[in-house]
Amino acid sequence: ALLDKHQIDYIILAGFLKKIPSFIIQRYPGKILNIHPALLPSYGGKGMYGMKVHKAVLENNDKESGITIHYVNEVYDTGEILYQAKCPVHPNDTPETLAKRVHVLEYEHYPKVIEQVIFR
């Protein structure tokens, strides 16, 4: 009701860790976007966020990481992927250094993808 009251057309998430209720997802099909700090489907799902993701990437000796911008559905991090951007993982990376590189991608690409979705 609150979303309707304010005439919300899109819901844009960033760092939102709670599961969106099904009734909201059904009310806004294809209009809820989220960004994830990894190349989904890898390192997604409940409990995979922030430094946990970057630690997992490093523990698995991945050569690249990045971001995934996707629609939200009823299952964590499994909505349709709209865009991915990659960055290298360096041998001397820490979760913090990798996070900084991934964060740059978030700022660079998320606003552009949001604009493309809303004004298509």
PDB file of N, CA and C in Angstrom:
ATOM      1  N   ALA A   1       0.832  -1.193   0.000  1.00  0.00           N
ATOM      2  CA  ALA A   1       0.000   0.000   0.000  1.00  0.00           C
ATOM      3  C   ALA A   1       0.880   1.261   0.000  1.00  0.00           C
ATOM      4  N   LEU A   2       1.968   1.233   0.750  1.00  0.00           N
ATOM      5  CA  LEU A   2       2.856   2.391   0.822  1.00  0.00           C
ATOM      6  C   LEU A   2       3.508   2.659  -0.536  1.00  0.00           C
ATOM      7  N   LEU A   3       3.917   1.598  -1.215  1.00  0.00           N
ATOM      8  CA  LEU A   3       4.506   1.767  -2.544  1.00  0.00           C
ATOM      9  C   LEU A   3       3.486   2.352  -3.518  1.00  0.00           C
ATOM     10  N   ASP A   4       2.262   1.855  -3.457  1.00  0.00           N
ATOM     11  CA  ASP A   4       1.201   2.393  -4.316  1.00  0.00           C
ATOM     12  C   ASP A   4       0.895   3.847  -3.972  1.00  0.00           C
ATOM     13  N   LYS A   5       0.858   4.149  -2.695  1.00  0.00           N
ATOM     14  CA  LYS A   5       0.561   5.510  -2.244  1.00  0.00           C
ATOM     15  C   LYS A   5       1.552   6.516  -2.840  1.00  0.00           C
ATOM     16  N   HIS A   6       2.821   6.089  -2.934  1.00  0.00           N
ATOM     17  CA  HIS A   6       3.860   6.978  -3.459  1.00  0.00           C
ATOM     18  C   HIS A   6       4.118   6.771  -4.951  1.00  0.00           C
ATOM     19  N   GLN A   7       3.251   5.987  -5.588  1.00  0.00           N
ATOM     20  CA  GLN A   7       3.308   5.747  -7.033  1.00  0.00           C
ATOM     21  C   GLN A   7       4.698   5.277  -7.486  1.00  0.00           C
ATOM     22  N   ILE A   8       5.203   4.288  -6.774  1.00  0.00           N
ATOM     23  CA  ILE A   8       6.518   3.723  -7.088  1.00  0.00           C
ATOM     24  C   ILE A   8       6.411   2.856  -8.340  1.00  0.00           C
ATOM     25  N   ASP A   9       7.312   3.103  -9.288  1.00  0.00           N
ATOM     26  CA  ASP A   9       7.335   2.318 -10.517  1.00  0.00           C
ATOM     27  C   ASP A   9       8.410   1.243 -10.499  1.00  0.00           C
ATOM     28  N   TYR A  10       9.551   1.544  -9.891  1.00  0.00           N
ATOM     29  CA  TYR A  10      10.679   0.623  -9.844  1.00  0.00           C
ATOM     30  C   TYR A  10      11.241   0.585  -8.425  1.00  0.00           C
ATOM     31  N   ILE A  11      11.835  -0.552  -8.086  1.00  0.00           N
ATOM     32  CA  ILE A  11      12.523  -0.693  -6.809  1.00  0.00           C
ATOM     33  C   ILE A  11      13.969  -1.036  -7.145  1.00  0.00           C
ATOM     34  N   ILE A  12      14.881  -0.186  -6.712  1.00  0.00           N
ATOM     35  CA  ILE A  12      16.305  -0.359  -6.998  1.00  0.00           C
ATOM     36  C   ILE A  12      17.008  -0.675  -5.685  1.00  0.00           C
ATOM     37  N   LEU A  13      17.615  -1.833  -5.614  1.00  0.00           N
ATOM     38  CA  LEU A  13      18.279  -2.297  -4.399  1.00  0.00           C
ATOM     39  C   LEU A  13      19.796  -2.248  -4.570  1.00  0.00           C
ATOM     40  N   ALA A  14      20.483  -2.050  -3.481  1.00  0.00           N
ATOM     41  CA  ALA A  14      21.946  -2.116  -3.465  1.00  0.00           C
ATOM     42  C   ALA A  14      22.362  -2.446  -2.036  1.00  0.00           C
ATOM     43  N   GLY A  15      22.843  -3.640  -1.845  1.00  0.00           N
ATOM     44  CA  GLY A  15      23.244  -4.042  -0.511  1.00  0.00           C
ATOM     45  C   GLY A  15      22.080  -4.432   0.377  1.00  0.00           C
ATOM     46  N   PHE A  16      20.956  -4.721  -0.211  1.00  0.00           N
ATOM     47  CA  PHE A  16      19.771  -5.104   0.551  1.00  0.00           C
ATOM     48  C   PHE A  16      19.857  -6.591   0.851  1.00  0.00           C
ATOM     49  N   LEU A  17      19.853  -6.974   2.117  1.00  0.00           N
ATOM     50  CA  LEU A  17      20.119  -8.356   2.495  1.00  0.00           C
ATOM     51  C   LEU A  17      18.873  -9.163   2.826  1.00  0.00           C
ATOM     52  N   LYS A  18      17.739  -8.518   2.942  1.00  0.00           N
ATOM     53  CA  LYS A  18      16.530  -9.258   3.287  1.00  0.00           C
ATOM     54  C   LYS A  18      15.829  -9.741   2.026  1.00  0.00           C
ATOM     55  N   LYS A  19      15.129 -10.833   2.166  1.00  0.00           N
ATOM     56  CA  LYS A  19      14.369 -11.382   1.051  1.00  0.00           C
ATOM     57  C   LYS A  19      13.129 -10.518   0.821  1.00  0.00           C
ATOM     58  N   ILE A  20      12.901 -10.168  -0.425  1.00  0.00           N
ATOM     59  CA  ILE A  20      11.725  -9.365  -0.783  1.00  0.00           C
ATOM     60  C   ILE A  20      10.505 -10.284  -0.755  1.00  0.00           C
ATOM     61  N   PRO A  21       9.450  -9.887  -0.087  1.00  0.00           N
ATOM     62  CA  PRO A  21       8.252 -10.734  -0.037  1.00  0.00           C
ATOM     63  C   PRO A  21       7.685 -11.010  -1.442  1.00  0.00           C
ATOM     64  N   SER A  22       7.168 -12.197  -1.615  1.00  0.00           N
ATOM     65  CA  SER A  22       6.625 -12.618  -2.918  1.00  0.00           C
ATOM     66  C   SER A  22       5.555 -11.667  -3.444  1.00  0.00           C
ATOM     67  N   PHE A  23       4.713 -11.143  -2.545  1.00  0.00           N
ATOM     68  CA  PHE A  23       3.643 -10.277  -3.024  1.00  0.00           C
ATOM     69  C   PHE A  23       4.200  -8.990  -3.642  1.00  0.00           C
ATOM     70  N   ILE A  24       5.341  -8.532  -3.178  1.00  0.00           N
ATOM     71  CA  ILE A  24       5.952  -7.342  -3.785  1.00  0.00           C
ATOM     72  C   ILE A  24       6.587  -7.711  -5.122  1.00  0.00           C
ATOM     73  N   ILE A  25       7.255  -8.849  -5.173  1.00  0.00           N
ATOM     74  CA  ILE A  25       7.853  -9.299  -6.438  1.00  0.00           C
ATOM     75  C   ILE A  25       6.768  -9.488  -7.491  1.00  0.00           C
ATOM     76  N   GLN A  26       5.658 -10.063  -7.116  1.00  0.00           N
ATOM     77  CA  GLN A  26       4.549 -10.266  -8.055  1.00  0.00           C
ATOM     78  C   GLN A  26       3.912  -8.940  -8.471  1.00  0.00           C
ATOM     79  N   ARG A  27       3.913  -7.959  -7.589  1.00  0.00           N
ATOM     80  CA  ARG A  27       3.346  -6.639  -7.892  1.00  0.00           C
ATOM     81  C   ARG A  27       4.252  -5.837  -8.819  1.00  0.00           C
ATOM     82  N   TYR A  28       5.560  -6.115  -8.787  1.00  0.00           N
ATOM     83  CA  TYR A  28       6.542  -5.374  -9.584  1.00  0.00           C
ATOM     84  C   TYR A  28       7.396  -6.313 -10.447  1.00  0.00           C
ATOM     85  N   PRO A  29       6.761  -7.111 -11.307  1.00  0.00           N
ATOM     86  CA  PRO A  29       7.550  -8.036 -12.136  1.00  0.00           C
ATOM     87  C   PRO A  29       8.447  -7.266 -13.107  1.00  0.00           C
ATOM     88  N   GLY A  30       9.722  -7.632 -13.127  1.00  0.00           N
ATOM     89  CA  GLY A  30      10.654  -6.958 -14.019  1.00  0.00           C
ATOM     90  C   GLY A  30      10.934  -5.516 -13.644  1.00  0.00           C
ATOM     91  N   LYS A  31      10.631  -5.155 -12.416  1.00  0.00           N
ATOM     92  CA  LYS A  31      10.828  -3.765 -11.994  1.00  0.00           C
ATOM     93  C   LYS A  31      11.563  -3.651 -10.663  1.00  0.00           C
ATOM     94  N   ILE A  32      12.186  -4.759 -10.235  1.00  0.00           N
ATOM     95  CA  ILE A  32      13.009  -4.744  -9.034  1.00  0.00           C
ATOM     96  C   ILE A  32      14.404  -5.177  -9.457  1.00  0.00           C
ATOM     97  N   LEU A  33      15.376  -4.287  -9.285  1.00  0.00           N
ATOM     98  CA  LEU A  33      16.757  -4.562  -9.665  1.00  0.00           C
ATOM     99  C   LEU A  33      17.635  -4.650  -8.433  1.00  0.00           C
ATOM    100  N   ASN A  34      18.672  -5.470  -8.546  1.00  0.00           N
ATOM    101  CA  ASN A  34      19.647  -5.581  -7.474  1.00  0.00           C
ATOM    102  C   ASN A  34      21.029  -5.704  -8.093  1.00  0.00           C
ATOM    103  N   ILE A  35      22.035  -5.431  -7.299  1.00  0.00           N
ATOM    104  CA  ILE A  35      23.418  -5.575  -7.735  1.00  0.00           C
ATOM    105  C   ILE A  35      24.110  -6.509  -6.756  1.00  0.00           C
ATOM    106  N   HIS A  36      24.935  -7.388  -7.308  1.00  0.00           N
ATOM    107  CA  HIS A  36      25.640  -8.373  -6.495  1.00  0.00           C
ATOM    108  C   HIS A  36      27.139  -8.249  -6.762  1.00  0.00           C
ATOM    109  N   PRO A  37      27.985  -8.342  -5.722  1.00  0.00           N
ATOM    110  CA  PRO A  37      29.416  -8.130  -5.901  1.00  0.00           C
ATOM    111  C   PRO A  37      30.185  -9.375  -6.351  1.00  0.00           C
ATOM    112  N   ALA A  38      29.627 -10.093  -7.312  1.00  0.00           N
ATOM    113  CA  ALA A  38      30.286 -11.265  -7.888  1.00  0.00           C
ATOM    114  C   ALA A  38      29.647 -11.553  -9.230  1.00  0.00           C
ATOM    115  N   LEU A  39      30.264 -12.451  -9.960  1.00  0.00           N
ATOM    116  CA  LEU A  39      29.740 -12.859 -11.253  1.00  0.00           C
ATOM    117  C   LEU A  39      28.802 -14.044 -11.040  1.00  0.00           C
ATOM    118  N   LEU A  40      27.528 -13.726 -10.851  1.00  0.00           N
ATOM    119  CA  LEU A  40      26.540 -14.785 -10.650  1.00  0.00           C
ATOM    120  C   LEU A  40      26.519 -15.681 -11.888  1.00  0.00           C
ATOM    121  N   PRO A  41      26.259 -16.948 -11.736  1.00  0.00           N
ATOM    122  CA  PRO A  41      25.677 -17.608 -10.567  1.00  0.00           C
ATOM    123  C   PRO A  41      26.676 -17.963  -9.470  1.00  0.00           C
ATOM    124  N   SER A  42      27.948 -17.717  -9.680  1.00  0.00           N
ATOM    125  CA  SER A  42      28.937 -18.007  -8.634  1.00  0.00           C
ATOM    126  C   SER A  42      28.774 -17.047  -7.459  1.00  0.00           C
ATOM    127  N   TYR A  43      28.933 -17.577  -6.277  1.00  0.00           N
ATOM    128  CA  TYR A  43      28.979 -16.785  -5.049  1.00  0.00           C
ATOM    129  C   TYR A  43      27.693 -16.011  -4.773  1.00  0.00           C
ATOM    130  N   GLY A  44      26.580 -16.608  -5.132  1.00  0.00           N
ATOM    131  CA  GLY A  44      25.286 -16.001  -4.842  1.00  0.00           C
ATOM    132  C   GLY A  44      24.543 -16.826  -3.811  1.00  0.00           C
ATOM    133  N   GLY A  45      23.386 -16.344  -3.444  1.00  0.00           N
ATOM    134  CA  GLY A  45      22.525 -17.069  -2.514  1.00  0.00           C
ATOM    135  C   GLY A  45      22.552 -16.472  -1.121  1.00  0.00           C
ATOM    136  N   LYS A  46      21.705 -17.025  -0.282  1.00  0.00           N
ATOM    137  CA  LYS A  46      21.565 -16.533   1.094  1.00  0.00           C
ATOM    138  C   LYS A  46      22.915 -16.585   1.800  1.00  0.00           C
ATOM    139  N   GLY A  47      23.265 -15.508   2.444  1.00  0.00           N
ATOM    140  CA  GLY A  47      24.493 -15.437   3.207  1.00  0.00           C
ATOM    141  C   GLY A  47      25.720 -15.024   2.411  1.00  0.00           C
ATOM    142  N   MET A  48      25.592 -14.900   1.100  1.00  0.00           N
ATOM    143  CA  MET A  48      26.727 -14.495   0.268  1.00  0.00           C
ATOM    144  C   MET A  48      26.596 -13.011  -0.036  1.00  0.00           C
ATOM    145  N   TYR A  49      27.306 -12.204   0.730  1.00  0.00           N
ATOM    146  CA  TYR A  49      27.267 -10.760   0.547  1.00  0.00           C
ATOM    147  C   TYR A  49      28.584 -10.168   1.029  1.00  0.00           C
ATOM    148  N   GLY A  50      28.888  -8.992   0.572  1.00  0.00           N
ATOM    149  CA  GLY A  50      30.035  -8.218   1.045  1.00  0.00           C
ATOM    150  C   GLY A  50      31.333  -8.992   1.047  1.00  0.00           C
ATOM    151  N   MET A  51      32.063  -8.876   2.134  1.00  0.00           N
ATOM    152  CA  MET A  51      33.384  -9.487   2.241  1.00  0.00           C
ATOM    153  C   MET A  51      33.332 -11.009   2.149  1.00  0.00           C
ATOM    154  N   LYS A  52      32.205 -11.608   2.507  1.00  0.00           N
ATOM    155  CA  LYS A  52      32.076 -13.066   2.382  1.00  0.00           C
ATOM    156  C   LYS A  52      32.266 -13.487   0.929  1.00  0.00           C
ATOM    157  N   VAL A  53      31.714 -12.698   0.016  1.00  0.00           N
ATOM    158  CA  VAL A  53      31.850 -12.997  -1.407  1.00  0.00           C
ATOM    159  C   VAL A  53      33.310 -12.864  -1.831  1.00  0.00           C
ATOM    160  N   HIS A  54      33.944 -11.780  -1.463  1.00  0.00           N
ATOM    161  CA  HIS A  54      35.325 -11.542  -1.887  1.00  0.00           C
ATOM    162  C   HIS A  54      36.281 -12.582  -1.291  1.00  0.00           C
ATOM    163  N   LYS A  55      36.057 -12.979  -0.052  1.00  0.00           N
ATOM    164  CA  LYS A  55      36.862 -14.041   0.557  1.00  0.00           C
ATOM    165  C   LYS A  55      36.704 -15.348  -0.211  1.00  0.00           C
ATOM    166  N   ALA A  56      35.474 -15.675  -0.591  1.00  0.00           N
ATOM    167  CA  ALA A  56      35.227 -16.915  -1.335  1.00  0.00           C
ATOM    168  C   ALA A  56      35.914 -16.892  -2.695  1.00  0.00           C
ATOM    169  N   VAL A  57      35.865 -15.762  -3.372  1.00  0.00           N
ATOM    170  CA  VAL A  57      36.538 -15.626  -4.673  1.00  0.00           C
ATOM    171  C   VAL A  57      38.029 -15.893  -4.506  1.00  0.00           C
ATOM    172  N   LEU A  58      38.630 -15.302  -3.490  1.00  0.00           N
ATOM    173  CA  LEU A  58      40.066 -15.474  -3.253  1.00  0.00           C
ATOM    174  C   LEU A  58      40.404 -16.901  -2.814  1.00  0.00           C
ATOM    175  N   GLU A  59      39.578 -17.483  -1.963  1.00  0.00           N
ATOM    176  CA  GLU A  59      39.820 -18.858  -1.510  1.00  0.00           C
ATOM    177  C   GLU A  59      39.772 -19.857  -2.656  1.00  0.00           C
ATOM    178  N   ASN A  60      38.981 -19.545  -3.667  1.00  0.00           N
ATOM    179  CA  ASN A  60      38.856 -20.439  -4.823  1.00  0.00           C
ATOM    180  C   ASN A  60      39.845 -20.111  -5.933  1.00  0.00           C
ATOM    181  N   ASN A  61      40.731 -19.145  -5.671  1.00  0.00           N
ATOM    182  CA  ASN A  61      41.765 -18.775  -6.644  1.00  0.00           C
ATOM    183  C   ASN A  61      41.202 -18.377  -8.004  1.00  0.00           C
ATOM    184  N   ASP A  62      40.067 -17.709  -7.996  1.00  0.00           N
ATOM    185  CA  ASP A  62      39.490 -17.223  -9.248  1.00  0.00           C
ATOM    186  C   ASP A  62      40.405 -16.183  -9.867  1.00  0.00           C
ATOM    187  N   LYS A  63      40.402 -16.116 -11.166  1.00  0.00           N
ATOM    188  CA  LYS A  63      41.239 -15.156 -11.887  1.00  0.00           C
ATOM    189  C   LYS A  63      40.512 -13.840 -12.141  1.00  0.00           C
ATOM    190  N   GLU A  64      39.176 -13.859 -11.994  1.00  0.00           N
ATOM    191  CA  GLU A  64      38.402 -12.628 -12.175  1.00  0.00           C
ATOM    192  C   GLU A  64      37.201 -12.633 -11.256  1.00  0.00           C
ATOM    193  N   SER A  65      36.729 -11.436 -11.000  1.00  0.00           N
ATOM    194  CA  SER A  65      35.514 -11.237 -10.229  1.00  0.00           C
ATOM    195  C   SER A  65      34.744 -10.128 -10.926  1.00  0.00           C
ATOM    196  N   GLY A  66      33.796  -9.537 -10.240  1.00  0.00           N
ATOM    197  CA  GLY A  66      33.047  -8.454 -10.866  1.00  0.00           C
ATOM    198  C   GLY A  66      31.710  -8.230 -10.208  1.00  0.00           C
ATOM    199  N   ILE A  67      30.796  -7.726 -11.014  1.00  0.00           N
ATOM    200  CA  ILE A  67      29.458  -7.422 -10.521  1.00  0.00           C
ATOM    201  C   ILE A  67      28.416  -8.062 -11.435  1.00  0.00           C
ATOM    202  N   THR A  68      27.263  -8.287 -10.853  1.00  0.00           N
ATOM    203  CA  THR A  68      26.112  -8.743 -11.616  1.00  0.00           C
ATOM    204  C   THR A  68      24.932  -7.860 -11.239  1.00  0.00           C
ATOM    205  N   ILE A  69      24.293  -7.308 -12.247  1.00  0.00           N
ATOM    206  CA  ILE A  69      23.058  -6.554 -12.061  1.00  0.00           C
ATOM    207  C   ILE A  69      21.942  -7.442 -12.585  1.00  0.00           C
ATOM    208  N   HIS A  70      20.933  -7.670 -11.751  1.00  0.00           N
ATOM    209  CA  HIS A  70      19.897  -8.646 -12.105  1.00  0.00           C
ATOM    210  C   HIS A  70      18.533  -8.224 -11.570  1.00  0.00           C
ATOM    211  N   TYR A  71      17.511  -8.812 -12.197  1.00  0.00           N
ATOM    212  CA  TYR A  71      16.164  -8.653 -11.663  1.00  0.00           C
ATOM    213  C   TYR A  71      16.040  -9.519 -10.412  1.00  0.00           C
ATOM    214  N   VAL A  72      15.167  -9.115  -9.516  1.00  0.00           N
ATOM    215  CA  VAL A  72      14.918  -9.860  -8.292  1.00  0.00           C
ATOM    216  C   VAL A  72      13.713 -10.765  -8.502  1.00  0.00           C
ATOM    217  N   ASN A  73      13.862 -12.010  -8.079  1.00  0.00           N
ATOM    218  CA  ASN A  73      12.739 -12.936  -8.048  1.00  0.00           C
ATOM    219  C   ASN A  73      12.642 -13.530  -6.640  1.00  0.00           C
ATOM    220  N   GLU A  74      11.912 -14.627  -6.496  1.00  0.00           N
ATOM    221  CA  GLU A  74      11.678 -15.191  -5.168  1.00  0.00           C
ATOM    222  C   GLU A  74      12.883 -15.920  -4.570  1.00  0.00           C
ATOM    223  N   VAL A  75      13.916 -16.176  -5.363  1.00  0.00           N
ATOM    224  CA  VAL A  75      15.081 -16.924  -4.883  1.00  0.00           C
ATOM    225  C   VAL A  75      16.302 -16.003  -4.929  1.00  0.00           C
ATOM    226  N   TYR A  76      17.046 -15.940  -3.823  1.00  0.00           N
ATOM    227  CA  TYR A  76      18.216 -15.068  -3.754  1.00  0.00           C
ATOM    228  C   TYR A  76      19.116 -15.200  -4.978  1.00  0.00           C
ATOM    229  N   ASP A  77      19.406 -14.082  -5.613  1.00  0.00           N
ATOM    230  CA  ASP A  77      20.439 -13.969  -6.652  1.00  0.00           C
ATOM    231  C   ASP A  77      20.236 -14.865  -7.868  1.00  0.00           C
ATOM    232  N   THR A  78      18.989 -15.205  -8.180  1.00  0.00           N
ATOM    233  CA  THR A  78      18.746 -16.061  -9.342  1.00  0.00           C
ATOM    234  C   THR A  78      17.899 -15.397 -10.420  1.00  0.00           C
ATOM    235  N   GLY A  79      17.552 -14.141 -10.219  1.00  0.00           N
ATOM    236  CA  GLY A  79      16.762 -13.433 -11.222  1.00  0.00           C
ATOM    237  C   GLY A  79      17.552 -13.229 -12.503  1.00  0.00           C
ATOM    238  N   GLU A  80      16.847 -12.919 -13.552  1.00  0.00           N
ATOM    239  CA  GLU A  80      17.461 -12.718 -14.867  1.00  0.00           C
ATOM    240  C   GLU A  80      18.606 -11.707 -14.788  1.00  0.00           C
ATOM    241  N   ILE A  81      19.738 -12.099 -15.349  1.00  0.00           N
ATOM    242  CA  ILE A  81      20.911 -11.226 -15.348  1.00  0.00           C
ATOM    243  C   ILE A  81      20.767 -10.197 -16.462  1.00  0.00           C
ATOM    244  N   LEU A  82      20.940  -8.936 -16.086  1.00  0.00           N
ATOM    245  CA  LEU A  82      20.864  -7.838 -17.043  1.00  0.00           C
ATOM    246  C   LEU A  82      22.244  -7.436 -17.548  1.00  0.00           C
ATOM    247  N   TYR A  83      23.229  -7.507 -16.642  1.00  0.00           N
ATOM    248  CA  TYR A  83      24.551  -6.995 -17.006  1.00  0.00           C
ATOM    249  C   TYR A  83      25.600  -7.546 -16.042  1.00  0.00           C
ATOM    250  N   GLN A  84      26.766  -7.835 -16.584  1.00  0.00           N
ATOM    251  CA  GLN A  84      27.906  -8.203 -15.756  1.00  0.00           C
ATOM    252  C   GLN A  84      29.125  -7.421 -16.223  1.00  0.00           C
ATOM    253  N   ALA A  85      29.951  -7.026 -15.277  1.00  0.00           N
ATOM    254  CA  ALA A  85      31.226  -6.376 -15.565  1.00  0.00           C
ATOM    255  C   ALA A  85      32.290  -7.113 -14.766  1.00  0.00           C
ATOM    256  N   LYS A  86      33.453  -7.273 -15.366  1.00  0.00           N
ATOM    257  CA  LYS A  86      34.522  -8.062 -14.750  1.00  0.00           C
ATOM    258  C   LYS A  86      35.728  -7.213 -14.392  1.00  0.00           C
ATOM    259  N   CYS A  87      36.477  -7.732 -13.426  1.00  0.00           N
ATOM    260  CA  CYS A  87      37.772  -7.144 -13.062  1.00  0.00           C
ATOM    261  C   CYS A  87      38.713  -8.289 -12.714  1.00  0.00           C
ATOM    262  N   PRO A  88      40.007  -8.068 -12.857  1.00  0.00           N
ATOM    263  CA  PRO A  88      40.952  -9.138 -12.532  1.00  0.00           C
ATOM    264  C   PRO A  88      41.092  -9.319 -11.023  1.00  0.00           C
ATOM    265  N   VAL A  89      41.450 -10.541 -10.660  1.00  0.00           N
ATOM    266  CA  VAL A  89      41.841 -10.829  -9.284  1.00  0.00           C
ATOM    267  C   VAL A  89      43.355 -10.984  -9.320  1.00  0.00           C
ATOM    268  N   HIS A  90      44.029 -10.174  -8.511  1.00  0.00           N
ATOM    269  CA  HIS A  90      45.485 -10.198  -8.487  1.00  0.00           C
ATOM    270  C   HIS A  90      45.992 -11.188  -7.433  1.00  0.00           C
ATOM    271  N   PRO A  91      47.150 -11.770  -7.660  1.00  0.00           N
ATOM    272  CA  PRO A  91      47.694 -12.762  -6.711  1.00  0.00           C
ATOM    273  C   PRO A  91      47.847 -12.223  -5.287  1.00  0.00           C
ATOM    274  N   ASN A  92      48.113 -10.947  -5.138  1.00  0.00           N
ATOM    275  CA  ASN A  92      48.311 -10.379  -3.801  1.00  0.00           C
ATOM    276  C   ASN A  92      47.061  -9.699  -3.241  1.00  0.00           C
ATOM    277  N   ASP A  93      45.915  -9.918  -3.870  1.00  0.00           N
ATOM    278  CA  ASP A  93      44.677  -9.300  -3.391  1.00  0.00           C
ATOM    279  C   ASP A  93      44.292  -9.792  -2.004  1.00  0.00           C
ATOM    280  N   THR A  94      43.676  -8.905  -1.274  1.00  0.00           N
ATOM    281  CA  THR A  94      42.987  -9.233  -0.028  1.00  0.00           C
ATOM    282  C   THR A  94      41.502  -9.018  -0.311  1.00  0.00           C
ATOM    283  N   PRO A  95      40.638  -9.490   0.556  1.00  0.00           N
ATOM    284  CA  PRO A  95      39.216  -9.188   0.347  1.00  0.00           C
ATOM    285  C   PRO A  95      38.962  -7.687   0.216  1.00  0.00           C
ATOM    286  N   GLU A  96      39.704  -6.894   0.952  1.00  0.00           N
ATOM    287  CA  GLU A  96      39.509  -5.439   0.928  1.00  0.00           C
ATOM    288  C   GLU A  96      39.956  -4.820  -0.398  1.00  0.00           C
ATOM    289  N   THR A  97      41.093  -5.259  -0.929  1.00  0.00           N
ATOM    290  CA  THR A  97      41.555  -4.685  -2.200  1.00  0.00           C
ATOM    291  C   THR A  97      40.655  -5.116  -3.346  1.00  0.00           C
ATOM    292  N   LEU A  98      40.210  -6.365  -3.302  1.00  0.00           N
ATOM    293  CA  LEU A  98      39.283  -6.829  -4.338  1.00  0.00           C
ATOM    294  C   LEU A  98      37.956  -6.084  -4.233  1.00  0.00           C
ATOM    295  N   ALA A  99      37.490  -5.878  -3.019  1.00  0.00           N
ATOM    296  CA  ALA A  99      36.232  -5.150  -2.809  1.00  0.00           C
ATOM    297  C   ALA A  99      36.301  -3.749  -3.403  1.00  0.00           C
ATOM    298  N   LYS A 100      37.432  -3.091  -3.258  1.00  0.00           N
ATOM    299  CA  LYS A 100      37.571  -1.742  -3.824  1.00  0.00           C
ATOM    300  C   LYS A 100      37.444  -1.761  -5.343  1.00  0.00           C
ATOM    301  N   ARG A 101      38.057  -2.745  -5.975  1.00  0.00           N
ATOM    302  CA  ARG A 101      37.994  -2.832  -7.428  1.00  0.00           C
ATOM    303  C   ARG A 101      36.571  -3.144  -7.898  1.00  0.00           C
ATOM    304  N   VAL A 102      35.903  -4.027  -7.173  1.00  0.00           N
ATOM    305  CA  VAL A 102      34.516  -4.366  -7.503  1.00  0.00           C
ATOM    306  C   VAL A 102      33.614  -3.159  -7.270  1.00  0.00           C
ATOM    307  N   HIS A 103      33.867  -2.430  -6.215  1.00  0.00           N
ATOM    308  CA  HIS A 103      33.055  -1.252  -5.883  1.00  0.00           C
ATOM    309  C   HIS A 103      33.117  -0.199  -6.998  1.00  0.00           C
ATOM    310  N   VAL A 104      34.275  -0.036  -7.600  1.00  0.00           N
ATOM    311  CA  VAL A 104      34.414   0.899  -8.729  1.00  0.00           C
ATOM    312  C   VAL A 104      33.474   0.485  -9.860  1.00  0.00           C
ATOM    313  N   LEU A 105      33.395  -0.813 -10.121  1.00  0.00           N
ATOM    314  CA  LEU A 105      32.486  -1.300 -11.165  1.00  0.00           C
ATOM    315  C   LEU A 105      31.031  -0.996 -10.826  1.00  0.00           C
ATOM    316  N   GLU A 106      30.682  -1.134  -9.558  1.00  0.00           N
ATOM    317  CA  GLU A 106      29.305  -0.863  -9.142  1.00  0.00           C
ATOM    318  C   GLU A 106      28.919   0.579  -9.453  1.00  0.00           C
ATOM    319  N   TYR A 107      29.776   1.502  -9.058  1.00  0.00           N
ATOM    320  CA  TYR A 107      29.497   2.921  -9.295  1.00  0.00           C
ATOM    321  C   TYR A 107      29.487   3.267 -10.783  1.00  0.00           C
ATOM    322  N   GLU A 108      30.320   2.615 -11.537  1.00  0.00           N
ATOM    323  CA  GLU A 108      30.409   2.908 -12.964  1.00  0.00           C
ATOM    324  C   GLU A 108      29.214   2.385 -13.743  1.00  0.00           C
ATOM    325  N   HIS A 109      28.744   1.180 -13.414  1.00  0.00           N
ATOM    326  CA  HIS A 109      27.771   0.523 -14.276  1.00  0.00           C
ATOM    327  C   HIS A 109      26.325   0.535 -13.774  1.00  0.00           C
ATOM    328  N   TYR A 110      26.098   0.502 -12.476  1.00  0.00           N
ATOM    329  CA  TYR A 110      24.723   0.390 -11.986  1.00  0.00           C
ATOM    330  C   TYR A 110      23.846   1.563 -12.426  1.00  0.00           C
ATOM    331  N   PRO A 111      24.295   2.801 -12.300  1.00  0.00           N
ATOM    332  CA  PRO A 111      23.428   3.903 -12.757  1.00  0.00           C
ATOM    333  C   PRO A 111      23.067   3.802 -14.241  1.00  0.00           C
ATOM    334  N   LYS A 112      24.006   3.380 -15.071  1.00  0.00           N
ATOM    335  CA  LYS A 112      23.742   3.259 -16.513  1.00  0.00           C
ATOM    336  C   LYS A 112      22.702   2.188 -16.795  1.00  0.00           C
ATOM    337  N   VAL A 113      22.820   1.046 -16.131  1.00  0.00           N
ATOM    338  CA  VAL A 113      21.867  -0.043 -16.351  1.00  0.00           C
ATOM    339  C   VAL A 113      20.478   0.356 -15.836  1.00  0.00           C
ATOM    340  N   ILE A 114      20.431   1.000 -14.694  1.00  0.00           N
ATOM    341  CA  ILE A 114      19.143   1.472 -14.171  1.00  0.00           C
ATOM    342  C   ILE A 114      18.487   2.400 -15.189  1.00  0.00           C
ATOM    343  N   GLU A 115      19.243   3.318 -15.692  1.00  0.00           N
ATOM    344  CA  GLU A 115      18.704   4.261 -16.684  1.00  0.00           C
ATOM    345  C   GLU A 115      18.203   3.529 -17.930  1.00  0.00           C
ATOM    346  N   GLN A 116      18.949   2.558 -18.398  1.00  0.00           N
ATOM    347  CA  GLN A 116      18.524   1.793 -19.580  1.00  0.00           C
ATOM    348  C   GLN A 116      17.218   1.043 -19.319  1.00  0.00           C
ATOM    349  N   VAL A 117      17.081   0.466 -18.134  1.00  0.00           N
ATOM    350  CA  VAL A 117      15.873  -0.299 -17.806  1.00  0.00           C
ATOM    351  C   VAL A 117      14.669   0.642 -17.701  1.00  0.00           C
ATOM    352  N   ILE A 118      14.834   1.742 -17.012  1.00  0.00           N
ATOM    353  CA  ILE A 118      13.709   2.636 -16.763  1.00  0.00           C
ATOM    354  C   ILE A 118      13.280   3.387 -18.032  1.00  0.00           C
ATOM    355  N   PHE A 119      14.238   3.763 -18.853  1.00  0.00           N
ATOM    356  CA  PHE A 119      13.914   4.594 -20.018  1.00  0.00           C
ATOM    357  C   PHE A 119      14.002   3.846 -21.333  1.00  0.00           C
ATOM    358  N   ARG A 120      13.831   2.537 -21.291  1.00  0.00           N
ATOM    359  CA  ARG A 120      13.894   1.760 -22.552  1.00  0.00           C
ATOM    360  C   ARG A 120      12.689   1.966 -23.402  1.00  0.00           C
TER     361      ARG A 120
END
